[in-house]
Protein backbone atom coordinates (compact mmCIF):
# COMPACT_ATOMS: atom_id res chain seq x y z
CA UNK A 1 95.34 95.79 -12.60
CA UNK A 2 98.21 96.56 -11.26
CA UNK A 3 100.31 93.32 -9.96
CA UNK A 4 100.90 94.55 -6.44
CA UNK A 5 96.68 95.77 -5.86
CA UNK A 6 95.87 91.98 -7.87
CA UNK A 7 98.13 90.25 -4.82
CA UNK A 8 96.53 93.05 -1.92
CA UNK A 9 93.12 91.30 -3.21
CA UNK A 10 94.30 87.50 -3.34
CA UNK A 11 94.85 87.56 0.01
CA UNK A 12 92.63 89.35 1.42
CA UNK A 13 90.11 86.48 -0.89
CA UNK A 14 91.99 84.22 0.48
CA UNK A 15 92.18 85.24 4.20
CA UNK A 16 88.42 86.24 4.10
CA UNK A 17 87.72 82.17 3.02
CA UNK A 18 90.08 80.87 5.83
CA UNK A 19 87.69 82.80 8.43
CA UNK A 20 84.70 81.42 6.59
CA UNK A 21 86.65 77.53 7.06
CA UNK A 22 86.90 79.19 10.73
CA UNK A 23 90.98 78.71 10.68
CA UNK A 24 90.88 82.27 11.49
CA UNK A 25 94.88 81.73 13.25
CA UNK A 26 95.67 80.65 9.83
CA UNK A 27 93.87 83.34 7.92
CA UNK A 28 95.90 86.23 10.47
CA UNK A 29 99.42 85.02 10.16
CA UNK A 30 98.98 84.02 6.66
CA UNK A 31 97.35 88.22 6.27
CA UNK A 32 100.35 89.77 8.65
CA UNK A 33 103.32 88.51 6.14
CA UNK A 34 101.61 90.19 3.28
CA UNK A 35 101.62 92.96 5.17
CA UNK A 36 105.33 92.59 6.92
CA UNK A 37 105.90 91.70 2.49
CA UNK A 38 104.04 95.26 1.40
CA UNK A 39 106.42 97.10 4.86
CA UNK A 40 110.04 95.66 2.88
CA UNK A 41 108.70 96.39 -0.81
CA UNK A 42 107.93 99.77 -0.16
CA UNK A 43 111.43 100.20 2.25
CA UNK A 44 113.34 98.87 -0.68
CA UNK A 45 111.89 100.42 -3.38
CA UNK A 46 111.02 103.80 -1.82
CA UNK A 47 107.42 103.87 -3.50
CA UNK A 48 104.53 103.32 -1.73
CA UNK A 49 101.87 101.30 -2.43
CA UNK A 50 99.62 103.91 -4.68
CA UNK A 51 102.44 106.03 -5.67
CA UNK A 52 101.91 105.38 -8.91
CA UNK A 53 98.10 104.07 -9.15
CA UNK A 54 96.21 107.36 -9.54
């Protein structure tokens, strides 16, 4: 499994866990922080997440 895919699945699992624990605000902050990091990495490397995974 690719590292970025594993990071995405881990973040999604943590956010779902937080949502079920009635911590919706924390889950949304964590997910938007993760998306910001993804956009930054894509901008720096010039690659989208799925470019090399096909």
